[in-house]
PDB file of N, CA and C in Angstrom:
ATOM      1  N   UNK A   1     -84.572   3.751  70.018  1.00  0.00           N
ATOM      2  CA  UNK A   1     -83.311   4.140  70.377  1.00  0.00           C
ATOM      3  C   UNK A   1     -83.697   4.996  71.887  1.00  0.00           C
ATOM      4  N   UNK A   2     -84.579   5.534  72.157  1.00  0.00           N
ATOM      5  CA  UNK A   2     -84.730   6.567  73.229  1.00  0.00           C
ATOM      6  C   UNK A   2     -84.938   5.661  74.329  1.00  0.00           C
ATOM      7  N   UNK A   3     -85.568   4.418  74.196  1.00  0.00           N
ATOM      8  CA  UNK A   3     -85.587   3.730  75.357  1.00  0.00           C
ATOM      9  C   UNK A   3     -84.294   3.204  75.697  1.00  0.00           C
ATOM     10  N   UNK A   4     -83.198   2.954  75.130  1.00  0.00           N
ATOM     11  CA  UNK A   4     -81.654   2.666  75.666  1.00  0.00           C
ATOM     12  C   UNK A   4     -81.065   4.053  76.247  1.00  0.00           C
ATOM     13  N   UNK A   5     -81.058   5.058  75.397  1.00  0.00           N
ATOM     14  CA  UNK A   5     -80.361   6.350  75.718  1.00  0.00           C
ATOM     15  C   UNK A   5     -80.668   6.896  76.913  1.00  0.00           C
ATOM     16  N   UNK A   6     -81.775   6.959  77.449  1.00  0.00           N
ATOM     17  CA  UNK A   6     -82.719   7.770  78.376  1.00  0.00           C
ATOM     18  C   UNK A   6     -81.957   7.080  79.902  1.00  0.00           C
ATOM     19  N   UNK A   7     -81.978   5.865  80.106  1.00  0.00           N
ATOM     20  CA  UNK A   7     -81.231   5.074  81.009  1.00  0.00           C
ATOM     21  C   UNK A   7     -79.874   5.366  81.274  1.00  0.00           C
ATOM     22  N   UNK A   8     -78.848   5.257  80.157  1.00  0.00           N
ATOM     23  CA  UNK A   8     -77.563   5.503  80.254  1.00  0.00           C
ATOM     24  C   UNK A   8     -77.570   7.315  80.704  1.00  0.00           C
ATOM     25  N   UNK A   9     -78.274   8.153  80.258  1.00  0.00           N
ATOM     26  CA  UNK A   9     -78.209   9.517  80.608  1.00  0.00           C
ATOM     27  C   UNK A   9     -78.612   9.436  81.692  1.00  0.00           C
ATOM     28  N   UNK A  10     -79.640   9.058  82.249  1.00  0.00           N
ATOM     29  CA  UNK A  10     -79.830   8.962  83.998  1.00  0.00           C
ATOM     30  C   UNK A  10     -78.678   8.660  84.831  1.00  0.00           C
ATOM     31  N   UNK A  11     -78.032   7.427  84.243  1.00  0.00           N
ATOM     32  CA  UNK A  11     -76.713   7.104  84.955  1.00  0.00           C
ATOM     33  C   UNK A  11     -75.480   8.015  85.043  1.00  0.00           C
ATOM     34  N   UNK A  12     -75.411   8.594  83.858  1.00  0.00           N
ATOM     35  CA  UNK A  12     -74.322   9.725  83.809  1.00  0.00           C
ATOM     36  C   UNK A  12     -74.548  10.912  84.535  1.00  0.00           C
ATOM     37  N   UNK A  13     -75.959  11.467  84.645  1.00  0.00           N
ATOM     38  CA  UNK A  13     -76.214  12.274  85.389  1.00  0.00           C
ATOM     39  C   UNK A  13     -76.051  12.120  86.594  1.00  0.00           C
ATOM     40  N   UNK A  14     -76.426  11.006  86.965  1.00  0.00           N
ATOM     41  CA  UNK A  14     -76.355  10.675  88.696  1.00  0.00           C
ATOM     42  C   UNK A  14     -75.033  10.643  89.126  1.00  0.00           C
ATOM     43  N   UNK A  15     -74.099  10.134  88.220  1.00  0.00           N
ATOM     44  CA  UNK A  15     -72.773  10.142  88.517  1.00  0.00           C
ATOM     45  C   UNK A  15     -72.191  11.529  88.505  1.00  0.00           C
ATOM     46  N   UNK A  16     -72.492  12.413  87.481  1.00  0.00           N
ATOM     47  CA  UNK A  16     -71.914  13.872  87.759  1.00  0.00           C
ATOM     48  C   UNK A  16     -72.617  14.309  88.996  1.00  0.00           C
ATOM     49  N   UNK A  17     -73.863  13.987  89.670  1.00  0.00           N
ATOM     50  CA  UNK A  17     -74.543  14.673  90.927  1.00  0.00           C
ATOM     51  C   UNK A  17     -73.343  14.219  91.929  1.00  0.00           C
ATOM     52  N   UNK A  18     -73.287  12.753  92.065  1.00  0.00           N
ATOM     53  CA  UNK A  18     -72.484  12.198  93.194  1.00  0.00           C
ATOM     54  C   UNK A  18     -70.948  12.761  93.103  1.00  0.00           C
ATOM     55  N   UNK A  19     -70.394  13.058  92.054  1.00  0.00           N
ATOM     56  CA  UNK A  19     -69.142  13.724  91.940  1.00  0.00           C
ATOM     57  C   UNK A  19     -69.189  14.931  92.771  1.00  0.00           C
ATOM     58  N   UNK A  20     -70.380  16.003  92.044  1.00  0.00           N
ATOM     59  CA  UNK A  20     -70.350  17.462  92.260  1.00  0.00           C
ATOM     60  C   UNK A  20     -70.790  17.446  93.669  1.00  0.00           C
ATOM     61  N   UNK A  21     -71.305  16.378  94.561  1.00  0.00           N
ATOM     62  CA  UNK A  21     -71.981  16.554  96.067  1.00  0.00           C
ATOM     63  C   UNK A  21     -70.799  16.275  96.723  1.00  0.00           C
ATOM     64  N   UNK A  22     -69.632  15.210  96.209  1.00  0.00           N
ATOM     65  CA  UNK A  22     -68.365  14.927  96.830  1.00  0.00           C
ATOM     66  C   UNK A  22     -67.615  16.042  96.853  1.00  0.00           C
ATOM     67  N   UNK A  23     -67.605  16.825  95.969  1.00  0.00           N
ATOM     68  CA  UNK A  23     -66.700  18.325  95.905  1.00  0.00           C
ATOM     69  C   UNK A  23     -67.230  19.432  96.763  1.00  0.00           C
ATOM     70  N   UNK A  24     -68.518  19.374  96.865  1.00  0.00           N
ATOM     71  CA  UNK A  24     -69.171  20.125  97.866  1.00  0.00           C
ATOM     72  C   UNK A  24     -68.982  19.831  99.212  1.00  0.00           C
ATOM     73  N   UNK A  25     -69.099  18.652  99.634  1.00  0.00           N
ATOM     74  CA  UNK A  25     -68.710  18.121 101.064  1.00  0.00           C
ATOM     75  C   UNK A  25     -67.361  18.224 101.310  1.00  0.00           C
ATOM     76  N   UNK A  26     -66.396  17.946 100.258  1.00  0.00           N
ATOM     77  CA  UNK A  26     -64.947  18.080 100.450  1.00  0.00           C
ATOM     78  C   UNK A  26     -64.029  19.157  99.997  1.00  0.00           C
ATOM     79  N   UNK A  27     -64.734  20.121  99.522  1.00  0.00           N
ATOM     80  CA  UNK A  27     -63.966  21.186  98.869  1.00  0.00           C
ATOM     81  C   UNK A  27     -63.068  21.836  99.769  1.00  0.00           C
ATOM     82  N   UNK A  28     -62.088  22.149  99.361  1.00  0.00           N
ATOM     83  CA  UNK A  28     -60.872  22.727 100.330  1.00  0.00           C
ATOM     84  C   UNK A  28     -61.200  24.036 100.714  1.00  0.00           C
ATOM     85  N   UNK A  29     -62.016  24.927  99.801  1.00  0.00           N
ATOM     86  CA  UNK A  29     -62.293  26.120 100.440  1.00  0.00           C
ATOM     87  C   UNK A  29     -63.765  26.764  99.785  1.00  0.00           C
ATOM     88  N   UNK A  30     -63.867  27.775 100.212  1.00  0.00           N
ATOM     89  CA  UNK A  30     -65.337  28.364  99.678  1.00  0.00           C
ATOM     90  C   UNK A  30     -65.366  28.584  98.180  1.00  0.00           C
ATOM     91  N   UNK A  31     -64.911  29.073  97.089  1.00  0.00           N
ATOM     92  CA  UNK A  31     -65.126  28.917  95.707  1.00  0.00           C
ATOM     93  C   UNK A  31     -65.055  27.421  95.211  1.00  0.00           C
ATOM     94  N   UNK A  32     -64.483  26.484  95.843  1.00  0.00           N
ATOM     95  CA  UNK A  32     -64.716  25.107  95.228  1.00  0.00           C
ATOM     96  C   UNK A  32     -66.081  24.495  95.631  1.00  0.00           C
ATOM     97  N   UNK A  33     -66.488  25.095  96.833  1.00  0.00           N
ATOM     98  CA  UNK A  33     -68.014  24.562  97.325  1.00  0.00           C
ATOM     99  C   UNK A  33     -68.948  25.382  96.704  1.00  0.00           C
ATOM    100  N   UNK A  34     -68.822  26.491  96.112  1.00  0.00           N
ATOM    101  CA  UNK A  34     -69.857  27.378  95.412  1.00  0.00           C
ATOM    102  C   UNK A  34     -69.843  26.999  94.102  1.00  0.00           C
ATOM    103  N   UNK A  35     -68.714  26.794  93.460  1.00  0.00           N
ATOM    104  CA  UNK A  35     -68.621  25.912  92.246  1.00  0.00           C
ATOM    105  C   UNK A  35     -69.144  24.487  92.060  1.00  0.00           C
ATOM    106  N   UNK A  36     -69.084  23.676  92.905  1.00  0.00           N
ATOM    107  CA  UNK A  36     -69.712  22.425  93.279  1.00  0.00           C
ATOM    108  C   UNK A  36     -71.169  22.602  93.605  1.00  0.00           C
ATOM    109  N   UNK A  37     -71.747  23.720  94.255  1.00  0.00           N
ATOM    110  CA  UNK A  37     -73.166  23.869  94.143  1.00  0.00           C
ATOM    111  C   UNK A  37     -73.901  24.292  92.947  1.00  0.00           C
ATOM    112  N   UNK A  38     -72.917  25.207  92.284  1.00  0.00           N
ATOM    113  CA  UNK A  38     -73.590  25.536  91.006  1.00  0.00           C
ATOM    114  C   UNK A  38     -73.782  24.456  90.023  1.00  0.00           C
ATOM    115  N   UNK A  39     -72.551  23.605  89.960  1.00  0.00           N
ATOM    116  CA  UNK A  39     -72.479  22.202  88.994  1.00  0.00           C
ATOM    117  C   UNK A  39     -73.553  21.302  89.656  1.00  0.00           C
ATOM    118  N   UNK A  40     -74.196  21.313  91.040  1.00  0.00           N
ATOM    119  CA  UNK A  40     -75.137  20.455  91.431  1.00  0.00           C
ATOM    120  C   UNK A  40     -76.675  20.939  90.668  1.00  0.00           C
ATOM    121  N   UNK A  41     -76.586  22.277  90.836  1.00  0.00           N
ATOM    122  CA  UNK A  41     -78.012  22.601  90.092  1.00  0.00           C
ATOM    123  C   UNK A  41     -78.195  22.680  88.751  1.00  0.00           C
ATOM    124  N   UNK A  42     -76.872  22.296  88.042  1.00  0.00           N
ATOM    125  CA  UNK A  42     -77.131  22.242  86.413  1.00  0.00           C
ATOM    126  C   UNK A  42     -77.305  20.688  86.344  1.00  0.00           C
ATOM    127  N   UNK A  43     -76.600  20.024  87.321  1.00  0.00           N
ATOM    128  CA  UNK A  43     -77.069  18.571  87.110  1.00  0.00           C
ATOM    129  C   UNK A  43     -78.464  18.110  87.521  1.00  0.00           C
ATOM    130  N   UNK A  44     -78.880  18.926  88.574  1.00  0.00           N
ATOM    131  CA  UNK A  44     -80.613  19.022  88.667  1.00  0.00           C
ATOM    132  C   UNK A  44     -81.425  19.270  87.375  1.00  0.00           C
ATOM    133  N   UNK A  45     -80.893  20.410  86.889  1.00  0.00           N
ATOM    134  CA  UNK A  45     -81.731  20.773  85.706  1.00  0.00           C
ATOM    135  C   UNK A  45     -81.632  19.852  84.844  1.00  0.00           C
ATOM    136  N   UNK A  46     -80.705  18.908  84.457  1.00  0.00           N
ATOM    137  CA  UNK A  46     -80.292  18.008  83.337  1.00  0.00           C
ATOM    138  C   UNK A  46     -81.407  16.901  83.762  1.00  0.00           C
ATOM    139  N   UNK A  47     -81.232  16.254  85.189  1.00  0.00           N
ATOM    140  CA  UNK A  47     -82.195  15.458  85.293  1.00  0.00           C
ATOM    141  C   UNK A  47     -83.735  15.703  85.168  1.00  0.00           C
ATOM    142  N   UNK A  48     -83.968  16.974  85.617  1.00  0.00           N
ATOM    143  CA  UNK A  48     -85.475  17.392  85.319  1.00  0.00           C
ATOM    144  C   UNK A  48     -85.824  17.263  83.786  1.00  0.00           C
ATOM    145  N   UNK A  49     -84.969  17.733  83.143  1.00  0.00           N
ATOM    146  CA  UNK A  49     -85.189  17.735  81.525  1.00  0.00           C
ATOM    147  C   UNK A  49     -85.112  16.218  80.963  1.00  0.00           C
ATOM    148  N   UNK A  50     -84.172  15.483  81.439  1.00  0.00           N
ATOM    149  CA  UNK A  50     -84.351  13.702  81.131  1.00  0.00           C
ATOM    150  C   UNK A  50     -85.694  13.385  81.603  1.00  0.00           C
ATOM    151  N   UNK A  51     -86.230  13.831  82.927  1.00  0.00           N
ATOM    152  CA  UNK A  51     -87.489  13.053  83.397  1.00  0.00           C
ATOM    153  C   UNK A  51     -88.479  13.751  82.526  1.00  0.00           C
ATOM    154  N   UNK A  52     -88.297  14.959  82.436  1.00  0.00           N
ATOM    155  CA  UNK A  52     -89.441  15.561  81.098  1.00  0.00           C
ATOM    156  C   UNK A  52     -89.774  14.906  79.797  1.00  0.00           C
ATOM    157  N   UNK A  53     -88.326  14.622  79.315  1.00  0.00           N
ATOM    158  CA  UNK A  53     -88.477  13.717  78.225  1.00  0.00           C
ATOM    159  C   UNK A  53     -88.978  12.277  78.127  1.00  0.00           C
ATOM    160  N   UNK A  54     -88.427  11.738  79.518  1.00  0.00           N
ATOM    161  CA  UNK A  54     -88.951  10.234  79.488  1.00  0.00           C
ATOM    162  C   UNK A  54     -90.522  10.258  79.676  1.00  0.00           C
ATOM    163  N   UNK A  55     -91.102  10.996  80.635  1.00  0.00           N
ATOM    164  CA  UNK A  55     -92.310  11.254  80.979  1.00  0.00           C
ATOM    165  C   UNK A  55     -93.359  11.823  80.028  1.00  0.00           C
ATOM    166  N   UNK A  56     -92.903  12.512  79.170  1.00  0.00           N
ATOM    167  CA  UNK A  56     -93.527  13.445  78.003  1.00  0.00           C
ATOM    168  C   UNK A  56     -94.234  14.562  78.615  1.00  0.00           C
ATOM    169  N   UNK A  57     -93.885  14.942  79.693  1.00  0.00           N
ATOM    170  CA  UNK A  57     -94.364  16.250  80.502  1.00  0.00           C
ATOM    171  C   UNK A  57     -93.914  17.570  80.423  1.00  0.00           C
ATOM    172  N   UNK A  58     -94.475  18.549  79.936  1.00  0.00           N
ATOM    173  CA  UNK A  58     -93.700  19.851  80.066  1.00  0.00           C
ATOM    174  C   UNK A  58     -93.541  20.661  81.499  1.00  0.00           C
ATOM    175  N   UNK A  59     -94.162  20.070  82.267  1.00  0.00           N
ATOM    176  CA  UNK A  59     -94.255  20.443  83.720  1.00  0.00           C
ATOM    177  C   UNK A  59     -92.503  20.411  84.049  1.00  0.00           C
ATOM    178  N   UNK A  60     -92.067  19.241  83.838  1.00  0.00           N
ATOM    179  CA  UNK A  60     -90.501  19.175  84.194  1.00  0.00           C
ATOM    180  C   UNK A  60     -89.943  20.435  83.868  1.00  0.00           C
ATOM    181  N   UNK A  61     -89.904  21.014  82.348  1.00  0.00           N
ATOM    182  CA  UNK A  61     -89.014  21.792  81.745  1.00  0.00           C
ATOM    183  C   UNK A  61     -89.592  22.946  82.318  1.00  0.00           C
ATOM    184  N   UNK A  62     -90.641  23.293  82.901  1.00  0.00           N
ATOM    185  CA  UNK A  62     -91.004  24.704  83.836  1.00  0.00           C
ATOM    186  C   UNK A  62     -89.918  24.680  85.195  1.00  0.00           C
ATOM    187  N   UNK A  63     -90.225  23.405  85.588  1.00  0.00           N
ATOM    188  CA  UNK A  63     -89.605  23.586  87.150  1.00  0.00           C
ATOM    189  C   UNK A  63     -87.939  23.418  86.908  1.00  0.00           C
ATOM    190  N   UNK A  64     -87.279  22.866  85.659  1.00  0.00           N
ATOM    191  CA  UNK A  64     -86.043  23.157  85.382  1.00  0.00           C
ATOM    192  C   UNK A  64     -85.614  24.554  85.131  1.00  0.00           C
ATOM    193  N   UNK A  65     -86.585  25.528  84.541  1.00  0.00           N
ATOM    194  CA  UNK A  65     -86.498  26.789  84.152  1.00  0.00           C
ATOM    195  C   UNK A  65     -86.314  27.724  85.470  1.00  0.00           C
ATOM    196  N   UNK A  66     -87.121  27.089  86.178  1.00  0.00           N
ATOM    197  CA  UNK A  66     -87.230  27.823  87.670  1.00  0.00           C
ATOM    198  C   UNK A  66     -86.058  27.814  88.654  1.00  0.00           C
ATOM    199  N   UNK A  67     -85.509  26.251  88.636  1.00  0.00           N
ATOM    200  CA  UNK A  67     -84.515  25.940  89.039  1.00  0.00           C
ATOM    201  C   UNK A  67     -83.024  26.644  88.363  1.00  0.00           C
ATOM    202  N   UNK A  68     -82.906  26.937  87.363  1.00  0.00           N
ATOM    203  CA  UNK A  68     -81.979  27.602  86.757  1.00  0.00           C
ATOM    204  C   UNK A  68     -82.119  29.182  86.852  1.00  0.00           C
ATOM    205  N   UNK A  69     -82.999  29.998  86.974  1.00  0.00           N
ATOM    206  CA  UNK A  69     -83.370  30.927  87.456  1.00  0.00           C
ATOM    207  C   UNK A  69     -82.517  31.201  89.041  1.00  0.00           C
ATOM    208  N   UNK A  70     -83.316  30.527  89.932  1.00  0.00           N
ATOM    209  CA  UNK A  70     -83.071  30.437  91.150  1.00  0.00           C
ATOM    210  C   UNK A  70     -81.520  30.061  91.395  1.00  0.00           C
ATOM    211  N   UNK A  71     -81.001  29.214  90.796  1.00  0.00           N
ATOM    212  CA  UNK A  71     -79.615  28.668  91.023  1.00  0.00           C
ATOM    213  C   UNK A  71     -78.653  30.044  90.433  1.00  0.00           C
ATOM    214  N   UNK A  72     -78.915  30.598  89.488  1.00  0.00           N
ATOM    215  CA  UNK A  72     -78.210  31.835  88.958  1.00  0.00           C
ATOM    216  C   UNK A  72     -77.910  32.728  89.980  1.00  0.00           C
ATOM    217  N   UNK A  73     -79.311  33.328  90.502  1.00  0.00           N
ATOM    218  CA  UNK A  73     -79.249  34.173  91.387  1.00  0.00           C
ATOM    219  C   UNK A  73     -78.422  33.876  92.675  1.00  0.00           C
ATOM    220  N   UNK A  74     -78.808  32.511  93.086  1.00  0.00           N
ATOM    221  CA  UNK A  74     -78.334  32.146  94.239  1.00  0.00           C
ATOM    222  C   UNK A  74     -76.748  32.144  94.214  1.00  0.00           C
ATOM    223  N   UNK A  75     -76.052  31.896  93.112  1.00  0.00           N
ATOM    224  CA  UNK A  75     -74.546  31.779  92.799  1.00  0.00           C
ATOM    225  C   UNK A  75     -74.024  33.103  92.855  1.00  0.00           C
ATOM    226  N   UNK A  76     -74.603  34.053  92.104  1.00  0.00           N
ATOM    227  CA  UNK A  76     -74.208  35.240  92.090  1.00  0.00           C
ATOM    228  C   UNK A  76     -74.141  36.044  93.484  1.00  0.00           C
ATOM    229  N   UNK A  77     -75.190  35.752  94.282  1.00  0.00           N
ATOM    230  CA  UNK A  77     -75.221  36.094  95.677  1.00  0.00           C
ATOM    231  C   UNK A  77     -74.029  35.690  96.208  1.00  0.00           C
ATOM    232  N   UNK A  78     -74.027  34.345  96.189  1.00  0.00           N
ATOM    233  CA  UNK A  78     -72.817  33.977  97.304  1.00  0.00           C
ATOM    234  C   UNK A  78     -71.343  34.132  96.814  1.00  0.00           C
ATOM    235  N   UNK A  79     -71.448  34.460  95.549  1.00  0.00           N
ATOM    236  CA  UNK A  79     -69.737  35.107  95.226  1.00  0.00           C
ATOM    237  C   UNK A  79     -69.672  36.788  95.424  1.00  0.00           C
ATOM    238  N   UNK A  80     -70.881  37.208  95.507  1.00  0.00           N
ATOM    239  CA  UNK A  80     -70.709  38.930  95.996  1.00  0.00           C
ATOM    240  C   UNK A  80     -70.327  38.715  97.292  1.00  0.00           C
ATOM    241  N   UNK A  81     -71.092  38.133  98.138  1.00  0.00           N
ATOM    242  CA  UNK A  81     -70.838  37.839  99.741  1.00  0.00           C
ATOM    243  C   UNK A  81     -69.610  37.517  99.856  1.00  0.00           C
ATOM    244  N   UNK A  82     -68.884  36.549  99.055  1.00  0.00           N
ATOM    245  CA  UNK A  82     -67.730  36.010  99.221  1.00  0.00           C
ATOM    246  C   UNK A  82     -66.486  37.088  99.022  1.00  0.00           C
ATOM    247  N   UNK A  83     -66.830  37.725  97.946  1.00  0.00           N
ATOM    248  CA  UNK A  83     -65.778  38.988  97.350  1.00  0.00           C
ATOM    249  C   UNK A  83     -65.919  40.124  98.335  1.00  0.00           C
ATOM    250  N   UNK A  84     -66.987  40.664  98.727  1.00  0.00           N
ATOM    251  CA  UNK A  84     -67.175  41.831  99.526  1.00  0.00           C
ATOM    252  C   UNK A  84     -67.453  41.527 101.055  1.00  0.00           C
ATOM    253  N   UNK A  85     -68.125  40.355 101.540  1.00  0.00           N
ATOM    254  CA  UNK A  85     -68.344  40.289 102.759  1.00  0.00           C
ATOM    255  C   UNK A  85     -69.559  40.913 103.099  1.00  0.00           C
ATOM    256  N   UNK A  86     -70.631  41.411 102.143  1.00  0.00           N
ATOM    257  CA  UNK A  86     -71.918  41.779 102.397  1.00  0.00           C
ATOM    258  C   UNK A  86     -72.809  41.644 100.985  1.00  0.00           C
ATOM    259  N   UNK A  87     -74.066  41.595 101.083  1.00  0.00           N
ATOM    260  CA  UNK A  87     -74.742  41.552  99.882  1.00  0.00           C
ATOM    261  C   UNK A  87     -75.422  42.959  99.478  1.00  0.00           C
ATOM    262  N   UNK A  88     -75.649  43.802 100.394  1.00  0.00           N
ATOM    263  CA  UNK A  88     -76.339  45.092 100.069  1.00  0.00           C
ATOM    264  C   UNK A  88     -74.972  46.279 100.421  1.00  0.00           C
ATOM    265  N   UNK A  89     -74.932  46.928  99.125  1.00  0.00           N
ATOM    266  CA  UNK A  89     -74.214  47.952  99.339  1.00  0.00           C
ATOM    267  C   UNK A  89     -74.446  49.228  99.889  1.00  0.00           C
TER     268      UNK A  89
END
């Protein structure tokens, strides 16, 4: 059953990645682009978790965890910059 579900999940995550990338390129303003970038890293995490399940390697789960931490910090920094105009108070 896992052999049929994994390719379907790859396709759906790829579709979500492409739609998020389209919003990043075409977004009307900065908050939409920041949200699209946030969604892109979440899609990347989902792709790495699927790859880890498919290949049976725990290395991909660790990479997904690192991307999650860096993506969160990056999103917070971009939002703070957007609201205040600077990062350091």
